[in-house]
Amino acid sequence: MDARRYPAGGAPPPPKMTPAAQARVWASVAARIEEMAESRPAGTVQLPIPTRHVFPQDFPEGLKPRLRLFLSVDLVGSTSYKQSRSVWSPEILSFYRNFDYALQAQYRAFSEGHRTALPAPEFWKSNGDELLYVCELQNLSHAHAVIHLWLAALNDYRAMGGDAAKPMDVKSTAWIGLFPAPNAEIFFRRGAPPPLSAAGDPMLAQADIRDEWYANPNNPAITRDFVGPSMDTGFRLTSWATPRRMIVSVDLAFLLTGAYTRGVGPLRLHFSGKDKLKDIIGNQPYPTIWIPVGDERERPVPDGRRADGISTDRQTIRGHCESIIEQNYRSITPLFLAGARHEDFDWVPPYILNSILRQWQDEVRYRTEVTKVVLLD
């Protein structure tokens, strides 16, 4: 992903390779990134990278790598609408009710039509008049399919009520994040807290709640939130979204340029330049990549380049994404899902696996020191 190899017009089309050959190339890129990682303190022992699909038997489920897709849909002008009307609740409440209904209907239709049982986008939380959903991705086709049904849900929501009662318009954003590194999950207990654990320590208490949640994700006594550089980027990107342009993050766009779903057409990704995104990637210019929604849809341009400078060429967009990811790998994780087996974790760069293993060993070591109970043989 060396940006210096690419001319101003973008990345050249890569040669066709089999998934196995692509995996070998990616392994060399991941190894090079590992060498670039910041040096560790003197005396630190480098953990060996285990066989990718094998974690220690007692390794916590909540620390295994997970790639999540985040989706935001936000009412446009809702604050001024509520402030200027004495009766505002019917229109606002219809958004919460109707959009979720449209999304669930699209997921059911897609699952039945394609005979698949991929995980559905789940409601995460609301933020003002913004609804946030999350979906744990299984493969490239999953990401491609979810974006398609999300776009369909946006269009269905707009069509609700007919011409006489158009709902308030919405804008949307999508991004991805890898957990538990470089992003993290945070867990909270609802209601009265239980008695303190024997350790009486906040770090260990958080680990205990995490393990409890993963043992029963439907536990109503525990709620979960997400934090990290990917989350910061995603929320910043929401400011770029418009009702006709769904903004996608660089790493998600990179995945989507190589993703297809059987029976579903390609997504029309657009690149319209770069701009600064406050405090993201060191305030370097961040690519503006979007997918047209509703009336913004247009006929394909043969050479992928329009008169207004907007590019729709997939290889050009992929080249911009590669450049940004390689330069900012600490905050934008380079991933390679093509040909990978989700359960083997061979899509996770080695330096991320090492980071997760160190996190686990630090947790076990700390628990041993605090509780004086040895949990490792």
Protein backbone atom coordinates (compact mmCIF):
# COMPACT_ATOMS: atom_id res chain seq x y z
CA MET A 1 0.00 0.00 0.00
CA ASP A 2 2.75 2.44 -0.91
CA ALA A 3 1.23 5.71 -2.10
CA ARG A 4 4.51 6.67 -3.79
CA ARG A 5 3.92 3.97 -6.40
CA TYR A 6 0.78 5.63 -7.65
CA PRO A 7 0.60 8.57 -10.09
CA ALA A 8 -1.76 11.47 -9.50
CA GLY A 9 -4.51 9.71 -11.42
CA GLY A 10 -4.77 6.94 -8.84
CA ALA A 11 -3.69 3.34 -8.47
CA PRO A 12 -3.22 1.20 -11.57
CA PRO A 13 -5.43 -1.89 -11.87
CA PRO A 14 -3.75 -4.76 -10.00
CA PRO A 15 -3.02 -8.03 -11.81
CA LYS A 16 -5.58 -10.77 -11.30
CA MET A 17 -4.57 -13.15 -8.52
CA THR A 18 -6.10 -16.15 -6.85
CA PRO A 19 -7.25 -15.73 -3.24
CA ALA A 20 -4.26 -17.81 -2.10
CA ALA A 21 -1.83 -15.53 -3.96
CA GLN A 22 -3.56 -12.46 -2.58
CA ALA A 23 -3.28 -13.87 0.93
CA ARG A 24 0.48 -14.37 0.48
CA VAL A 25 0.88 -10.79 -0.69
CA TRP A 26 -1.13 -9.51 2.23
CA ALA A 27 0.93 -11.58 4.68
CA SER A 28 4.07 -9.84 3.45
CA VAL A 29 2.41 -6.42 3.80
CA ALA A 30 1.29 -7.26 7.34
CA ALA A 31 4.80 -8.41 8.22
CA ARG A 32 6.22 -5.14 6.92
CA ILE A 33 3.75 -3.15 8.99
CA GLU A 34 4.74 -5.20 12.04
CA GLU A 35 8.36 -4.19 11.46
CA MET A 36 7.29 -0.55 11.29
CA ALA A 37 5.47 -0.76 14.65
CA GLU A 38 6.98 1.31 17.42
CA SER A 39 9.78 -0.40 19.35
CA ARG A 40 8.95 -1.96 22.69
CA PRO A 41 10.81 -1.21 25.93
CA ALA A 42 14.10 -2.97 26.46
CA GLY A 43 13.71 -6.39 28.02
CA THR A 44 10.17 -6.92 26.69
CA VAL A 45 9.73 -10.42 25.34
CA GLN A 46 7.96 -10.60 22.01
CA LEU A 47 5.03 -13.02 22.19
CA PRO A 48 5.07 -15.69 19.50
CA ILE A 49 2.21 -15.49 17.04
CA PRO A 50 0.08 -18.61 17.54
CA THR A 51 -1.58 -20.61 14.82
CA ARG A 52 -4.18 -18.13 13.69
CA HIS A 53 -7.25 -20.24 14.25
CA VAL A 54 -6.13 -21.45 17.68
CA PHE A 55 -6.37 -19.38 20.84
CA PRO A 56 -5.48 -20.72 24.29
CA GLN A 57 -8.32 -22.81 25.68
CA ASP A 58 -9.10 -20.32 28.44
CA PHE A 59 -8.83 -17.28 26.17
CA PRO A 60 -11.82 -14.95 26.81
CA GLU A 61 -14.47 -14.92 24.09
CA GLY A 62 -14.74 -11.16 24.49
CA LEU A 63 -11.12 -10.64 23.44
CA LYS A 64 -11.29 -12.57 20.17
CA PRO A 65 -11.05 -10.32 17.08
CA ARG A 66 -14.34 -9.01 15.73
CA LEU A 67 -14.94 -6.70 12.80
CA ARG A 68 -18.08 -4.62 13.21
CA LEU A 69 -20.00 -2.48 10.74
CA PHE A 70 -21.61 0.65 12.18
CA LEU A 71 -24.51 2.41 10.48
CA SER A 72 -25.97 5.81 11.31
CA VAL A 73 -29.24 7.34 10.13
CA ASP A 74 -30.01 10.87 11.29
CA LEU A 75 -33.04 13.12 10.86
CA VAL A 76 -32.18 16.29 8.96
CA GLY A 77 -33.38 19.53 10.58
CA SER A 78 -35.09 17.81 13.49
CA THR A 79 -33.94 20.32 16.12
CA SER A 80 -35.37 23.35 14.32
CA TYR A 81 -38.50 21.37 13.50
CA LYS A 82 -39.16 20.64 17.19
CA GLN A 83 -38.32 24.15 18.30
CA SER A 84 -40.67 25.78 15.80
CA ARG A 85 -43.76 23.65 16.36
CA SER A 86 -46.07 23.08 19.29
CA VAL A 87 -46.98 19.65 17.93
CA TRP A 88 -43.86 17.87 16.74
CA SER A 89 -43.99 14.36 18.19
CA PRO A 90 -45.94 12.53 15.42
CA GLU A 91 -43.34 13.31 12.75
CA ILE A 92 -40.33 12.62 14.97
CA LEU A 93 -41.71 9.44 16.50
CA SER A 94 -42.62 8.11 13.07
CA PHE A 95 -38.91 8.19 12.20
CA TYR A 96 -38.00 5.91 15.11
CA ARG A 97 -40.88 3.60 14.29
CA ASN A 98 -40.84 3.54 10.51
CA PHE A 99 -37.13 3.35 9.77
CA ASP A 100 -36.53 0.36 12.01
CA TYR A 101 -39.55 -1.35 10.48
CA ALA A 102 -38.22 -0.69 6.96
CA LEU A 103 -34.78 -2.04 7.89
CA GLN A 104 -36.13 -5.23 9.43
CA ALA A 105 -38.42 -5.78 6.43
CA GLN A 106 -35.50 -5.39 4.02
CA TYR A 107 -33.38 -7.84 6.03
CA ARG A 108 -36.16 -10.45 6.03
CA ALA A 109 -36.71 -10.04 2.30
CA PHE A 110 -32.98 -10.32 1.59
CA SER A 111 -32.54 -13.39 3.80
CA GLU A 112 -35.50 -15.16 2.22
CA GLY A 113 -34.52 -14.22 -1.33
CA HIS A 114 -30.89 -15.27 -0.95
CA ARG A 115 -31.48 -18.14 1.48
CA THR A 116 -28.89 -16.82 3.89
CA ALA A 117 -28.82 -16.35 7.65
CA LEU A 118 -26.13 -13.70 7.97
CA PRO A 119 -26.29 -11.62 11.17
CA ALA A 120 -28.62 -8.65 10.84
CA PRO A 121 -27.84 -5.04 11.81
CA GLU A 122 -28.85 -4.64 15.46
CA PHE A 123 -30.04 -1.46 17.09
CA TRP A 124 -27.20 -0.10 19.21
CA LYS A 125 -28.52 3.18 20.61
CA SER A 126 -30.03 6.53 19.75
CA ASN A 127 -28.12 9.77 19.88
CA GLY A 128 -30.56 12.65 19.76
CA ASP A 129 -32.55 12.04 16.58
CA GLU A 130 -29.92 9.67 15.23
CA LEU A 131 -30.31 5.90 15.20
CA LEU A 132 -27.17 3.78 15.38
CA TYR A 133 -26.92 0.14 14.36
CA VAL A 134 -24.09 -2.38 14.58
CA CYS A 135 -23.44 -5.65 12.77
CA GLU A 136 -20.64 -8.14 13.29
CA LEU A 137 -19.26 -8.94 9.84
CA GLN A 138 -18.56 -12.49 8.70
CA ASN A 139 -17.01 -11.84 5.28
CA LEU A 140 -16.82 -9.40 2.37
CA SER A 141 -20.16 -10.48 0.95
CA HIS A 142 -21.79 -9.78 4.30
CA ALA A 143 -20.57 -6.17 4.30
CA HIS A 144 -21.70 -5.70 0.69
CA ALA A 145 -25.14 -7.20 1.40
CA VAL A 146 -25.79 -5.14 4.54
CA ILE A 147 -24.98 -1.87 2.76
CA HIS A 148 -27.37 -2.84 -0.03
CA LEU A 149 -30.27 -3.57 2.30
CA TRP A 150 -29.49 -0.42 4.32
CA LEU A 151 -29.76 1.71 1.16
CA ALA A 152 -33.04 -0.01 0.34
CA ALA A 153 -34.34 0.76 3.84
CA LEU A 154 -33.44 4.45 3.41
CA ASN A 155 -35.44 4.56 0.18
CA ASP A 156 -38.36 2.67 1.73
CA TYR A 157 -38.48 5.08 4.65
CA ARG A 158 -38.64 8.04 2.28
CA ALA A 159 -41.48 6.42 0.40
CA MET A 160 -43.62 5.90 3.50
CA GLY A 161 -46.70 8.09 3.74
CA GLY A 162 -47.01 8.72 0.00
CA ASP A 163 -46.73 12.10 -1.71
CA ALA A 164 -49.22 13.77 0.66
CA ALA A 165 -47.20 13.13 3.80
CA LYS A 166 -43.50 12.92 3.05
CA PRO A 167 -41.47 12.08 6.19
CA MET A 168 -38.62 14.29 7.28
CA ASP A 169 -35.49 13.52 5.31
CA VAL A 170 -32.55 11.57 6.66
CA LYS A 171 -28.82 11.31 6.07
CA SER A 172 -26.60 8.30 6.64
CA THR A 173 -23.02 7.22 7.37
CA ALA A 174 -21.27 3.85 7.59
CA TRP A 175 -17.92 2.78 9.02
CA ILE A 176 -16.16 -0.28 10.41
CA GLY A 177 -14.09 -0.97 13.53
CA LEU A 178 -11.89 -3.86 14.67
CA PHE A 179 -12.20 -5.00 18.28
CA PRO A 180 -10.70 -5.35 20.86
CA ALA A 181 -7.78 -3.55 19.22
CA PRO A 182 -7.38 -0.80 18.18
CA ASN A 183 -10.95 -0.19 19.40
CA ALA A 184 -12.57 -1.39 22.62
CA GLU A 185 -15.89 -2.41 24.14
CA ILE A 186 -17.01 -0.94 27.46
CA PHE A 187 -19.62 -2.63 29.64
CA PHE A 188 -21.91 -1.19 32.30
CA ARG A 189 -24.34 -2.76 34.73
CA ARG A 190 -27.90 -1.50 34.81
CA GLY A 191 -29.69 -0.77 38.07
CA ALA A 192 -28.25 -1.55 41.50
CA PRO A 193 -24.68 -2.86 41.29
CA PRO A 194 -23.90 -6.32 42.66
CA PRO A 195 -21.51 -6.78 45.61
CA LEU A 196 -17.90 -5.92 44.84
CA SER A 197 -15.79 -8.73 43.48
CA ALA A 198 -13.14 -10.27 45.65
CA ALA A 199 -10.53 -8.13 43.93
CA GLY A 200 -12.48 -4.92 44.35
CA ASP A 201 -10.65 -3.52 41.31
CA PRO A 202 -12.18 -1.57 38.38
CA MET A 203 -10.03 -3.26 35.72
CA LEU A 204 -10.94 -6.73 36.90
CA ALA A 205 -14.56 -5.76 37.42
CA GLN A 206 -14.73 -4.64 33.77
CA ALA A 207 -13.21 -7.94 32.62
CA ASP A 208 -15.75 -9.87 34.72
CA ILE A 209 -18.67 -7.91 33.22
CA ARG A 210 -17.27 -8.51 29.74
CA ASP A 211 -17.06 -12.26 30.32
CA GLU A 212 -20.55 -12.27 31.81
CA TRP A 213 -21.95 -10.42 28.80
CA TYR A 214 -20.35 -12.76 26.26
CA ALA A 215 -21.69 -15.74 28.17
CA ASN A 216 -25.19 -14.25 27.74
CA PRO A 217 -25.41 -11.31 25.28
CA ASN A 218 -29.13 -10.98 26.00
CA ASN A 219 -28.53 -10.25 29.67
CA PRO A 220 -30.73 -7.18 30.39
CA ALA A 221 -28.60 -6.28 33.41
CA ILE A 222 -25.61 -5.33 31.22
CA THR A 223 -25.29 -2.70 28.51
CA ARG A 224 -22.39 -2.22 26.11
CA ASP A 225 -20.75 0.70 24.33
CA PHE A 226 -17.92 1.10 21.81
CA VAL A 227 -14.94 3.47 21.89
CA GLY A 228 -11.78 3.95 19.87
CA PRO A 229 -10.25 5.69 16.85
CA SER A 230 -12.66 4.07 14.39
CA MET A 231 -15.62 5.29 16.41
CA ASP A 232 -14.22 8.83 16.53
CA THR A 233 -13.74 8.75 12.77
CA GLY A 234 -17.22 7.44 12.12
CA PHE A 235 -18.94 10.09 14.21
CA ARG A 236 -16.85 12.81 12.58
CA LEU A 237 -17.84 11.52 9.15
CA THR A 238 -21.53 11.96 9.93
CA SER A 239 -21.03 15.70 9.48
CA TRP A 240 -20.22 15.09 5.79
CA ALA A 241 -23.35 13.09 5.05
CA THR A 242 -26.29 14.55 3.11
CA PRO A 243 -29.72 13.11 2.27
CA ARG A 244 -28.40 12.11 -1.15
CA ARG A 245 -24.89 11.00 -0.20
CA MET A 246 -24.18 8.21 2.26
CA ILE A 247 -20.63 8.69 3.55
CA VAL A 248 -18.43 5.62 4.09
CA SER A 249 -15.10 5.40 5.91
CA VAL A 250 -11.87 4.71 4.06
CA ASP A 251 -11.42 1.19 5.44
CA LEU A 252 -15.01 0.25 4.66
CA ALA A 253 -14.65 1.64 1.14
CA PHE A 254 -11.48 -0.44 0.70
CA LEU A 255 -13.41 -3.59 1.60
CA LEU A 256 -16.37 -2.71 -0.60
CA THR A 257 -14.17 -2.20 -3.68
CA GLY A 258 -13.43 -5.93 -3.54
CA ALA A 259 -16.84 -7.15 -2.36
CA TYR A 260 -19.71 -8.68 -4.27
CA THR A 261 -22.84 -10.57 -3.29
CA ARG A 262 -24.39 -13.14 -5.60
CA GLY A 263 -27.55 -11.77 -7.16
CA VAL A 264 -26.82 -8.19 -6.05
CA GLY A 265 -25.25 -5.49 -8.22
CA PRO A 266 -22.06 -3.59 -7.32
CA LEU A 267 -22.22 -0.56 -5.09
CA ARG A 268 -21.64 2.79 -6.82
CA LEU A 269 -18.81 4.22 -4.76
CA HIS A 270 -17.84 7.84 -5.50
CA PHE A 271 -14.66 9.73 -4.62
CA SER A 272 -14.91 13.52 -4.63
CA GLY A 273 -11.58 14.68 -3.21
CA LYS A 274 -10.13 15.03 0.27
CA ASP A 275 -10.79 17.34 3.18
CA LYS A 276 -9.65 17.72 6.76
CA LEU A 277 -11.65 15.83 9.34
CA LYS A 278 -11.02 17.45 12.72
CA ASP A 279 -8.46 15.54 14.80
CA ILE A 280 -8.65 12.47 12.54
CA ILE A 281 -5.39 10.99 11.14
CA GLY A 282 -3.48 13.99 12.42
CA ASN A 283 -5.68 16.46 10.54
CA GLN A 284 -4.40 15.14 7.22
CA PRO A 285 -6.85 15.35 4.31
CA TYR A 286 -9.29 12.44 4.51
CA PRO A 287 -10.89 11.00 1.35
CA THR A 288 -14.54 11.88 0.78
CA ILE A 289 -16.11 8.62 -0.36
CA TRP A 290 -19.84 8.17 -0.68
CA ILE A 291 -22.63 6.11 -2.16
CA PRO A 292 -25.51 7.84 -3.94
CA VAL A 293 -28.93 7.56 -2.31
CA GLY A 294 -32.31 8.14 -3.97
CA ASP A 295 -32.30 10.93 -6.57
CA GLU A 296 -28.49 11.11 -6.53
CA ARG A 297 -28.29 7.85 -8.46
CA GLU A 298 -26.94 8.29 -11.98
CA ARG A 299 -25.82 6.49 -15.09
CA PRO A 300 -22.32 5.00 -15.01
CA VAL A 301 -19.62 7.00 -16.77
CA PRO A 302 -17.51 4.84 -19.15
CA ASP A 303 -14.11 5.96 -17.87
CA GLY A 304 -15.28 6.40 -14.29
CA ARG A 305 -14.42 10.10 -14.23
CA ARG A 306 -17.03 12.87 -14.46
CA ALA A 307 -16.68 16.44 -15.57
CA ASP A 308 -17.10 17.65 -11.97
CA GLY A 309 -13.98 15.71 -10.88
CA ILE A 310 -15.89 12.99 -9.05
CA SER A 311 -14.39 9.56 -9.72
CA THR A 312 -16.37 6.32 -9.77
CA ASP A 313 -13.49 4.11 -10.87
CA ARG A 314 -13.11 1.33 -8.28
CA GLN A 315 -9.34 0.96 -8.71
CA THR A 316 -8.77 4.70 -8.32
CA ILE A 317 -10.85 4.74 -5.15
CA ARG A 318 -9.09 1.63 -3.86
CA GLY A 319 -5.72 3.29 -4.49
CA HIS A 320 -6.68 6.33 -2.40
CA CYS A 321 -7.87 4.04 0.38
CA GLU A 322 -4.68 1.96 0.36
CA SER A 323 -2.53 5.05 0.63
CA ILE A 324 -4.40 6.44 3.64
CA ILE A 325 -4.57 3.08 5.44
CA GLU A 326 -0.86 2.38 5.00
CA GLN A 327 0.12 5.81 6.31
CA ASN A 328 -2.20 5.55 9.33
CA TYR A 329 -2.18 1.85 10.20
CA ARG A 330 -2.16 2.54 13.95
CA SER A 331 -5.65 4.03 13.80
CA ILE A 332 -7.00 2.49 10.56
CA THR A 333 -6.41 -1.25 10.67
CA PRO A 334 -5.44 -2.83 7.34
CA LEU A 335 -7.67 -5.86 6.77
CA PHE A 336 -7.81 -8.51 4.08
CA LEU A 337 -11.03 -10.52 4.06
CA ALA A 338 -10.83 -11.90 0.51
CA GLY A 339 -10.40 -15.66 0.68
CA ALA A 340 -10.12 -15.56 4.48
CA ARG A 341 -11.99 -17.83 6.88
CA HIS A 342 -13.74 -15.75 9.51
CA GLU A 343 -13.24 -18.28 12.30
CA ASP A 344 -9.52 -18.67 11.55
CA PHE A 345 -8.77 -14.97 12.12
CA ASP A 346 -6.38 -15.05 9.17
CA TRP A 347 -7.82 -11.68 8.14
CA VAL A 348 -6.32 -10.00 11.22
CA PRO A 349 -2.81 -8.54 10.86
CA PRO A 350 -0.20 -10.27 13.08
CA TYR A 351 0.59 -7.12 15.03
CA ILE A 352 -3.06 -6.84 16.06
CA LEU A 353 -3.10 -10.48 17.20
CA ASN A 354 0.03 -9.83 19.24
CA SER A 355 -1.57 -6.76 20.80
CA ILE A 356 -4.64 -8.77 21.81
CA LEU A 357 -2.54 -11.56 23.30
CA ARG A 358 -0.50 -9.04 25.28
CA GLN A 359 -3.72 -7.46 26.53
CA TRP A 360 -4.92 -10.85 27.75
CA GLN A 361 -1.62 -11.76 29.41
CA ASP A 362 -1.48 -8.36 31.12
CA GLU A 363 -5.02 -8.92 32.40
CA VAL A 364 -4.15 -12.37 33.76
CA ARG A 365 -0.93 -11.11 35.30
CA TYR A 366 -2.71 -8.22 36.95
CA ARG A 367 -5.46 -10.48 38.29
CA THR A 368 -2.80 -12.77 39.73
CA GLU A 369 -1.06 -9.88 41.45
CA VAL A 370 -4.28 -8.44 42.88
CA THR A 371 -6.04 -11.62 43.92
CA LYS A 372 -2.96 -13.80 44.54
CA VAL A 373 -4.65 -16.51 42.54
CA VAL A 374 -2.66 -18.08 39.72
CA LEU A 375 -4.93 -18.62 36.74
CA LEU A 376 -2.26 -19.71 34.26
CA ASP A 377 -0.35 -23.00 34.47
